[in-house]
Amino acid sequence: MISLLSAATLLVASFQPAPVESSQPQLSEEHSAMLRCSAAFALVSYGQANGDEAMRAWPIIDPRGREFFVRSLAKIIDDTGMTREQVSQMAEAEAQRLIDQNLLDGVMPGCLLMLDASGV
């Protein structure tokens, strides 16, 4: 009976997913918002510098958006212990997510408020 119970336990355990290991720490809500807005500002800044009419609909982002980007990523590095490369990769992935999911116009109003509140 014990061997049958052991076999059943092993069988059930084999169907459970393996724990997911994350090579990067989870970001707080504050850090996630900073990363999202940094990525949004980078996209708008790039578009404005390259004549993208849709991006010109937003207020001029630079130099404040660039400074926000630098300060935010530095704060994430300092607070989480992540490397510069890890945070840069996360910012790049977030920018791509904003593009792929067409979220830029939805996040920019809140990001502009965050920029104003930052004092940059």
N, C-alpha and C. Protein backbone atom coordinates (compact mmCIF):
# COMPACT_ATOMS: atom_id res chain seq x y z
N MET A 1 0.82 -1.19 0.00
CA MET A 1 0.00 0.00 0.00
C MET A 1 0.87 1.26 0.00
N ILE A 2 1.94 1.24 0.78
CA ILE A 2 2.81 2.40 0.84
C ILE A 2 3.46 2.64 -0.51
N SER A 3 3.88 1.61 -1.20
CA SER A 3 4.52 1.80 -2.50
C SER A 3 3.52 2.35 -3.52
N LEU A 4 2.27 1.95 -3.43
CA LEU A 4 1.24 2.48 -4.33
C LEU A 4 1.01 3.97 -4.05
N LEU A 5 0.99 4.33 -2.77
CA LEU A 5 0.83 5.73 -2.39
C LEU A 5 2.03 6.55 -2.85
N SER A 6 3.22 6.00 -2.70
CA SER A 6 4.43 6.70 -3.15
C SER A 6 4.41 6.90 -4.66
N ALA A 7 3.99 5.89 -5.38
CA ALA A 7 3.92 5.99 -6.84
C ALA A 7 2.90 7.04 -7.26
N ALA A 8 1.76 7.06 -6.57
CA ALA A 8 0.73 8.05 -6.89
C ALA A 8 1.23 9.46 -6.60
N THR A 9 1.94 9.63 -5.50
CA THR A 9 2.49 10.94 -5.16
C THR A 9 3.49 11.40 -6.21
N LEU A 10 4.36 10.50 -6.64
CA LEU A 10 5.33 10.84 -7.67
C LEU A 10 4.65 11.20 -8.99
N LEU A 11 3.59 10.47 -9.32
CA LEU A 11 2.86 10.73 -10.55
C LEU A 11 2.23 12.12 -10.51
N VAL A 12 1.59 12.46 -9.40
CA VAL A 12 0.97 13.78 -9.26
C VAL A 12 2.04 14.87 -9.32
N ALA A 13 3.15 14.64 -8.65
CA ALA A 13 4.23 15.64 -8.64
C ALA A 13 4.80 15.86 -10.03
N SER A 14 4.79 14.84 -10.86
CA SER A 14 5.35 14.98 -12.20
C SER A 14 4.50 15.88 -13.09
N PHE A 15 3.23 16.05 -12.75
CA PHE A 15 2.35 16.91 -13.55
C PHE A 15 2.38 18.37 -13.10
N GLN A 16 3.03 18.65 -12.00
CA GLN A 16 3.10 20.02 -11.52
C GLN A 16 4.23 20.74 -12.23
N PRO A 17 3.99 21.97 -12.64
CA PRO A 17 5.04 22.70 -13.35
C PRO A 17 6.23 22.97 -12.44
N ALA A 18 7.38 23.00 -13.05
CA ALA A 18 8.59 23.32 -12.30
C ALA A 18 8.55 24.79 -11.91
N PRO A 19 9.12 25.11 -10.75
CA PRO A 19 9.13 26.53 -10.36
C PRO A 19 9.91 27.35 -11.37
N VAL A 20 9.41 28.53 -11.64
CA VAL A 20 10.05 29.42 -12.60
C VAL A 20 11.11 30.23 -11.86
N GLU A 21 12.32 30.18 -12.38
CA GLU A 21 13.39 30.95 -11.79
C GLU A 21 13.54 32.24 -12.57
N SER A 22 13.60 33.32 -11.86
CA SER A 22 13.76 34.62 -12.50
C SER A 22 15.19 35.09 -12.28
N SER A 23 15.83 35.46 -13.36
CA SER A 23 17.20 35.95 -13.25
C SER A 23 17.22 37.41 -12.82
N GLN A 24 16.06 38.05 -12.82
CA GLN A 24 15.98 39.45 -12.45
C GLN A 24 14.97 39.61 -11.32
N PRO A 25 15.26 40.49 -10.38
CA PRO A 25 14.32 40.70 -9.29
C PRO A 25 13.01 41.30 -9.80
N GLN A 26 11.94 41.05 -9.06
CA GLN A 26 10.66 41.66 -9.38
C GLN A 26 10.75 43.15 -9.06
N LEU A 27 10.18 43.95 -9.92
CA LEU A 27 10.17 45.39 -9.69
C LEU A 27 8.95 45.79 -8.87
N SER A 28 9.12 46.79 -8.03
CA SER A 28 8.00 47.35 -7.28
C SER A 28 7.09 48.09 -8.27
N GLU A 29 5.92 48.47 -7.81
CA GLU A 29 5.01 49.25 -8.66
C GLU A 29 5.67 50.56 -9.08
N GLU A 30 6.37 51.19 -8.13
CA GLU A 30 7.05 52.45 -8.44
C GLU A 30 8.11 52.24 -9.52
N HIS A 31 8.92 51.21 -9.36
CA HIS A 31 9.97 50.95 -10.35
C HIS A 31 9.38 50.58 -11.70
N SER A 32 8.29 49.82 -11.69
CA SER A 32 7.63 49.45 -12.95
C SER A 32 7.11 50.69 -13.68
N ALA A 33 6.53 51.60 -12.92
CA ALA A 33 6.02 52.84 -13.53
C ALA A 33 7.17 53.68 -14.07
N MET A 34 8.26 53.75 -13.32
CA MET A 34 9.43 54.51 -13.78
C MET A 34 9.99 53.91 -15.06
N LEU A 35 10.06 52.59 -15.11
CA LEU A 35 10.57 51.91 -16.30
C LEU A 35 9.65 52.13 -17.49
N ARG A 36 8.34 52.00 -17.26
CA ARG A 36 7.36 52.20 -18.34
C ARG A 36 7.44 53.61 -18.90
N CYS A 37 7.51 54.60 -18.01
CA CYS A 37 7.55 55.99 -18.47
C CYS A 37 8.89 56.32 -19.11
N SER A 38 9.96 55.76 -18.61
CA SER A 38 11.27 55.97 -19.24
C SER A 38 11.26 55.44 -20.66
N ALA A 39 10.68 54.26 -20.85
CA ALA A 39 10.59 53.68 -22.19
C ALA A 39 9.70 54.55 -23.08
N ALA A 40 8.59 55.02 -22.54
CA ALA A 40 7.68 55.87 -23.31
C ALA A 40 8.38 57.17 -23.72
N PHE A 41 9.11 57.78 -22.80
CA PHE A 41 9.82 59.02 -23.13
C PHE A 41 10.90 58.79 -24.18
N ALA A 42 11.57 57.66 -24.10
CA ALA A 42 12.60 57.34 -25.10
C ALA A 42 11.97 57.21 -26.49
N LEU A 43 10.81 56.55 -26.56
CA LEU A 43 10.13 56.38 -27.85
C LEU A 43 9.67 57.73 -28.42
N VAL A 44 9.08 58.55 -27.57
CA VAL A 44 8.59 59.86 -28.01
C VAL A 44 9.77 60.74 -28.42
N SER A 45 10.82 60.73 -27.63
CA SER A 45 12.01 61.52 -27.94
C SER A 45 12.59 61.12 -29.29
N TYR A 46 12.70 59.83 -29.51
CA TYR A 46 13.24 59.33 -30.78
C TYR A 46 12.34 59.77 -31.94
N GLY A 47 11.04 59.61 -31.76
CA GLY A 47 10.10 60.01 -32.81
C GLY A 47 10.14 61.50 -33.10
N GLN A 48 10.22 62.30 -32.05
CA GLN A 48 10.28 63.75 -32.24
C GLN A 48 11.56 64.16 -32.95
N ALA A 49 12.66 63.53 -32.60
CA ALA A 49 13.95 63.86 -33.23
C ALA A 49 14.01 63.43 -34.68
N ASN A 50 13.16 62.46 -35.06
CA ASN A 50 13.19 61.94 -36.42
C ASN A 50 11.97 62.32 -37.24
N GLY A 51 11.25 63.36 -36.80
CA GLY A 51 10.16 63.91 -37.60
C GLY A 51 8.87 63.12 -37.61
N ASP A 52 8.66 62.23 -36.66
CA ASP A 52 7.42 61.46 -36.60
C ASP A 52 6.29 62.38 -36.14
N GLU A 53 5.35 62.64 -37.03
CA GLU A 53 4.26 63.58 -36.73
C GLU A 53 3.43 63.13 -35.53
N ALA A 54 3.21 61.85 -35.38
CA ALA A 54 2.43 61.35 -34.24
C ALA A 54 3.13 61.69 -32.92
N MET A 55 4.43 61.65 -32.91
CA MET A 55 5.19 61.95 -31.69
C MET A 55 5.26 63.45 -31.42
N ARG A 56 5.11 64.23 -32.46
CA ARG A 56 5.11 65.69 -32.29
C ARG A 56 3.82 66.19 -31.66
N ALA A 57 2.82 65.32 -31.58
CA ALA A 57 1.57 65.69 -30.91
C ALA A 57 1.77 65.83 -29.40
N TRP A 58 2.81 65.18 -28.88
CA TRP A 58 3.13 65.26 -27.45
C TRP A 58 4.01 66.47 -27.19
N PRO A 59 3.99 66.99 -25.95
CA PRO A 59 4.91 68.09 -25.62
C PRO A 59 6.36 67.67 -25.87
N ILE A 60 7.21 68.64 -26.13
CA ILE A 60 8.63 68.36 -26.34
C ILE A 60 9.15 67.62 -25.10
N ILE A 61 9.73 66.46 -25.33
CA ILE A 61 10.16 65.60 -24.22
C ILE A 61 11.56 65.93 -23.74
N ASP A 62 12.47 66.20 -24.65
CA ASP A 62 13.85 66.45 -24.23
C ASP A 62 14.03 67.91 -23.85
N PRO A 63 14.83 68.20 -22.88
CA PRO A 63 15.78 67.35 -22.16
C PRO A 63 15.20 66.69 -20.91
N ARG A 64 14.00 67.09 -20.50
CA ARG A 64 13.43 66.56 -19.25
C ARG A 64 13.20 65.06 -19.31
N GLY A 65 12.68 64.56 -20.41
CA GLY A 65 12.42 63.13 -20.54
C GLY A 65 13.70 62.31 -20.47
N ARG A 66 14.75 62.84 -21.08
CA ARG A 66 16.05 62.15 -21.05
C ARG A 66 16.59 62.10 -19.62
N GLU A 67 16.47 63.20 -18.90
CA GLU A 67 16.94 63.24 -17.51
C GLU A 67 16.12 62.31 -16.63
N PHE A 68 14.80 62.27 -16.86
CA PHE A 68 13.94 61.35 -16.12
C PHE A 68 14.39 59.91 -16.38
N PHE A 69 14.66 59.59 -17.63
CA PHE A 69 15.13 58.26 -18.02
C PHE A 69 16.39 57.89 -17.24
N VAL A 70 17.37 58.77 -17.26
CA VAL A 70 18.66 58.50 -16.61
C VAL A 70 18.47 58.33 -15.10
N ARG A 71 17.75 59.24 -14.48
CA ARG A 71 17.55 59.16 -13.03
C ARG A 71 16.75 57.92 -12.63
N SER A 72 15.73 57.61 -13.41
CA SER A 72 14.89 56.46 -13.09
C SER A 72 15.66 55.15 -13.18
N LEU A 73 16.40 54.98 -14.27
CA LEU A 73 17.16 53.75 -14.41
C LEU A 73 18.25 53.64 -13.35
N ALA A 74 18.87 54.76 -13.00
CA ALA A 74 19.88 54.74 -11.93
C ALA A 74 19.24 54.36 -10.60
N LYS A 75 18.04 54.87 -10.33
CA LYS A 75 17.35 54.53 -9.08
C LYS A 75 17.00 53.05 -9.05
N ILE A 76 16.54 52.51 -10.16
CA ILE A 76 16.21 51.08 -10.21
C ILE A 76 17.47 50.25 -9.94
N ILE A 77 18.58 50.63 -10.54
CA ILE A 77 19.84 49.92 -10.32
C ILE A 77 20.22 49.99 -8.84
N ASP A 78 20.17 51.18 -8.27
CA ASP A 78 20.55 51.36 -6.86
C ASP A 78 19.63 50.60 -5.92
N ASP A 79 18.33 50.66 -6.17
CA ASP A 79 17.36 50.05 -5.25
C ASP A 79 17.30 48.54 -5.35
N THR A 80 17.54 47.99 -6.54
CA THR A 80 17.37 46.55 -6.73
C THR A 80 18.67 45.77 -6.75
N GLY A 81 19.78 46.46 -7.00
CA GLY A 81 21.05 45.75 -7.13
C GLY A 81 21.24 45.13 -8.51
N MET A 82 20.30 45.40 -9.41
CA MET A 82 20.44 44.90 -10.77
C MET A 82 21.60 45.61 -11.46
N THR A 83 22.11 44.98 -12.50
CA THR A 83 23.19 45.60 -13.26
C THR A 83 22.62 46.61 -14.25
N ARG A 84 23.48 47.45 -14.73
CA ARG A 84 23.08 48.43 -15.75
C ARG A 84 22.55 47.70 -16.99
N GLU A 85 23.22 46.62 -17.35
CA GLU A 85 22.80 45.84 -18.52
C GLU A 85 21.41 45.24 -18.32
N GLN A 86 21.14 44.71 -17.14
CA GLN A 86 19.82 44.12 -16.87
C GLN A 86 18.72 45.17 -16.99
N VAL A 87 18.96 46.33 -16.39
CA VAL A 87 17.95 47.39 -16.42
C VAL A 87 17.78 47.92 -17.84
N SER A 88 18.86 48.05 -18.57
CA SER A 88 18.78 48.50 -19.97
C SER A 88 17.97 47.51 -20.80
N GLN A 89 18.18 46.23 -20.58
CA GLN A 89 17.42 45.21 -21.31
C GLN A 89 15.94 45.28 -20.96
N MET A 90 15.65 45.53 -19.68
CA MET A 90 14.25 45.65 -19.27
C MET A 90 13.61 46.88 -19.91
N ALA A 91 14.34 47.98 -19.98
CA ALA A 91 13.81 49.20 -20.60
C ALA A 91 13.55 48.97 -22.09
N GLU A 92 14.47 48.28 -22.74
CA GLU A 92 14.29 47.98 -24.16
C GLU A 92 13.08 47.07 -24.38
N ALA A 93 12.93 46.08 -23.52
CA ALA A 93 11.78 45.17 -23.62
C ALA A 93 10.47 45.92 -23.37
N GLU A 94 10.49 46.84 -22.42
CA GLU A 94 9.28 47.62 -22.13
C GLU A 94 8.92 48.52 -23.31
N ALA A 95 9.92 49.14 -23.92
CA ALA A 95 9.66 49.97 -25.10
C ALA A 95 9.05 49.12 -26.22
N GLN A 96 9.58 47.93 -26.41
CA GLN A 96 9.05 47.05 -27.45
C GLN A 96 7.62 46.64 -27.13
N ARG A 97 7.33 46.40 -25.85
CA ARG A 97 5.97 46.03 -25.43
C ARG A 97 5.01 47.19 -25.71
N LEU A 98 5.44 48.41 -25.43
CA LEU A 98 4.59 49.57 -25.69
C LEU A 98 4.28 49.69 -27.18
N ILE A 99 5.26 49.38 -28.02
CA ILE A 99 5.05 49.42 -29.47
C ILE A 99 4.15 48.27 -29.91
N ASP A 100 4.51 47.06 -29.51
CA ASP A 100 3.80 45.86 -29.97
C ASP A 100 2.33 45.87 -29.56
N GLN A 101 2.05 46.36 -28.36
CA GLN A 101 0.68 46.35 -27.86
C GLN A 101 -0.02 47.70 -28.05
N ASN A 102 0.63 48.60 -28.79
CA ASN A 102 0.06 49.91 -29.10
C ASN A 102 -0.42 50.64 -27.84
N LEU A 103 0.46 50.71 -26.85
CA LEU A 103 0.11 51.27 -25.55
C LEU A 103 0.64 52.68 -25.31
N LEU A 104 1.47 53.18 -26.20
CA LEU A 104 2.15 54.45 -25.94
C LEU A 104 1.17 55.59 -25.67
N ASP A 105 0.16 55.74 -26.51
CA ASP A 105 -0.80 56.84 -26.32
C ASP A 105 -1.56 56.70 -25.00
N GLY A 106 -1.74 55.48 -24.55
CA GLY A 106 -2.46 55.26 -23.30
C GLY A 106 -1.63 55.57 -22.06
N VAL A 107 -0.32 55.37 -22.13
CA VAL A 107 0.52 55.60 -20.95
C VAL A 107 1.07 57.02 -20.87
N MET A 108 1.17 57.70 -22.00
CA MET A 108 1.81 59.02 -21.99
C MET A 108 1.15 60.05 -21.07
N PRO A 109 -0.17 60.16 -21.01
CA PRO A 109 -0.73 61.17 -20.10
C PRO A 109 -0.27 60.98 -18.65
N GLY A 110 -0.32 59.75 -18.17
CA GLY A 110 0.15 59.48 -16.81
C GLY A 110 1.64 59.71 -16.66
N CYS A 111 2.38 59.38 -17.69
CA CYS A 111 3.84 59.58 -17.64
C CYS A 111 4.20 61.06 -17.62
N LEU A 112 3.44 61.87 -18.34
CA LEU A 112 3.69 63.32 -18.30
C LEU A 112 3.42 63.88 -16.90
N LEU A 113 2.38 63.34 -16.24
CA LEU A 113 2.12 63.75 -14.85
C LEU A 113 3.27 63.32 -13.95
N MET A 114 3.78 62.10 -14.18
CA MET A 114 4.90 61.61 -13.38
C MET A 114 6.14 62.46 -13.62
N LEU A 115 6.34 62.87 -14.86
CA LEU A 115 7.48 63.73 -15.19
C LEU A 115 7.38 65.06 -14.45
N ASP A 116 6.19 65.66 -14.47
CA ASP A 116 5.99 66.92 -13.76
C ASP A 116 6.20 66.76 -12.25
N ALA A 117 5.68 65.66 -11.70
CA ALA A 117 5.81 65.42 -10.26
C ALA A 117 7.25 65.13 -9.84
N SER A 118 8.06 64.65 -10.78
CA SER A 118 9.44 64.29 -10.46
C SER A 118 10.32 65.51 -10.19
N GLY A 119 9.89 66.67 -10.67
CA GLY A 119 10.68 67.87 -10.49
C GLY A 119 11.83 68.00 -11.47
N VAL A 120 11.91 67.10 -12.43
CA VAL A 120 12.98 67.17 -13.44
C VAL A 120 12.66 68.28 -14.40
